[in-house]
């Protein structure tokens, strides 16, 4: 897949965070990149060269970065019935 298609998938899975360039995953939705960790309650930043995923884990903010050129797949998980 090309960056533009991957970016659209992540845009549909999230919504803009007011006053920032980041996006918040839609309620109940989870996302997985390259068959890695499943992210939920995360904020995404879709940069021109990379994706940043920010989550809180055990009271600590964790940022995970992906280079667009190394993203092979994006999987979304939504509650049943949606």
Protein backbone atom coordinates (compact mmCIF):
# COMPACT_ATOMS: atom_id res chain seq x y z
CA UNK A 1 0.00 0.00 0.00
CA UNK A 2 1.05 3.54 -0.56
CA UNK A 3 1.31 6.18 2.16
CA UNK A 4 -1.83 7.96 0.97
CA UNK A 5 -4.01 4.86 1.41
CA UNK A 6 -2.51 4.01 4.82
CA UNK A 7 -3.01 7.60 5.94
CA UNK A 8 -6.70 7.49 4.92
CA UNK A 9 -7.25 4.29 6.96
CA UNK A 10 -5.77 5.98 10.04
CA UNK A 11 -7.77 9.16 9.41
CA UNK A 12 -11.04 7.18 9.21
CA UNK A 13 -10.10 5.35 12.45
CA UNK A 14 -9.55 8.61 14.33
CA UNK A 15 -10.84 12.13 14.80
CA UNK A 16 -8.99 15.43 15.21
CA UNK A 17 -7.99 16.52 18.72
CA UNK A 18 -9.17 20.11 19.13
CA UNK A 19 -6.33 22.62 18.97
CA UNK A 20 -3.63 20.13 17.92
CA UNK A 21 -2.39 18.33 14.82
CA UNK A 22 -2.94 14.99 16.55
CA UNK A 23 -5.89 12.66 16.18
CA UNK A 24 -7.64 10.50 18.81
CA UNK A 25 -8.81 6.97 18.01
CA UNK A 26 -12.59 6.80 17.76
CA UNK A 27 -14.43 5.36 20.78
CA UNK A 28 -14.05 1.59 21.03
CA UNK A 29 -11.74 1.39 18.02
CA UNK A 30 -8.27 -0.18 18.15
CA UNK A 31 -5.48 -0.06 15.59
CA UNK A 32 -2.55 -2.37 14.85
CA UNK A 33 0.39 -1.53 12.60
CA UNK A 34 2.52 -4.25 10.98
CA UNK A 35 0.98 -7.04 13.08
CA UNK A 36 2.51 -5.40 16.19
CA UNK A 37 0.91 -4.15 19.39
CA UNK A 38 -2.80 -3.35 19.33
CA UNK A 39 -3.21 0.31 20.32
CA UNK A 40 -6.35 1.65 22.01
CA UNK A 41 -7.14 4.97 23.70
CA UNK A 42 -4.24 6.38 21.72
CA UNK A 43 -3.50 9.67 20.01
CA UNK A 44 -2.00 9.58 16.52
CA UNK A 45 0.19 12.15 14.82
CA UNK A 46 0.36 11.62 11.06
CA UNK A 47 3.50 13.41 9.96
CA UNK A 48 4.90 13.62 6.45
CA UNK A 49 7.70 11.14 7.26
CA UNK A 50 6.41 9.21 10.27
CA UNK A 51 3.48 8.17 12.47
CA UNK A 52 3.62 8.77 16.22
CA UNK A 53 1.29 6.88 18.54
CA UNK A 54 0.99 8.25 22.09
CA UNK A 55 -0.56 6.21 24.92
CA UNK A 56 -0.60 6.19 28.71
CA UNK A 57 0.77 2.98 30.25
CA UNK A 58 1.03 2.60 34.03
CA UNK A 59 0.98 6.38 34.51
CA UNK A 60 3.72 6.96 31.93
CA UNK A 61 3.33 8.47 28.46
CA UNK A 62 4.68 6.12 25.79
CA UNK A 63 5.40 7.30 22.24
CA UNK A 64 5.84 4.77 19.43
CA UNK A 65 7.14 5.90 16.05
CA UNK A 66 6.72 4.26 12.64
CA UNK A 67 8.33 5.35 9.38
CA UNK A 68 5.73 5.50 6.60
CA UNK A 69 8.07 3.59 4.28
CA UNK A 70 8.21 0.68 6.74
CA UNK A 71 4.45 0.36 7.31
CA UNK A 72 3.19 -2.72 5.48
CA UNK A 73 -0.26 -3.11 7.03
CA UNK A 74 -2.78 -1.32 9.23
CA UNK A 75 -5.52 -3.32 10.95
CA UNK A 76 -8.50 -1.75 12.70
CA UNK A 77 -10.74 -3.38 15.30
CA UNK A 78 -14.20 -2.03 16.08
CA UNK A 79 -16.94 -3.18 18.44
CA UNK A 80 -19.38 -5.71 17.01
CA UNK A 81 -22.23 -4.14 15.11
CA UNK A 82 -20.28 -1.17 13.78
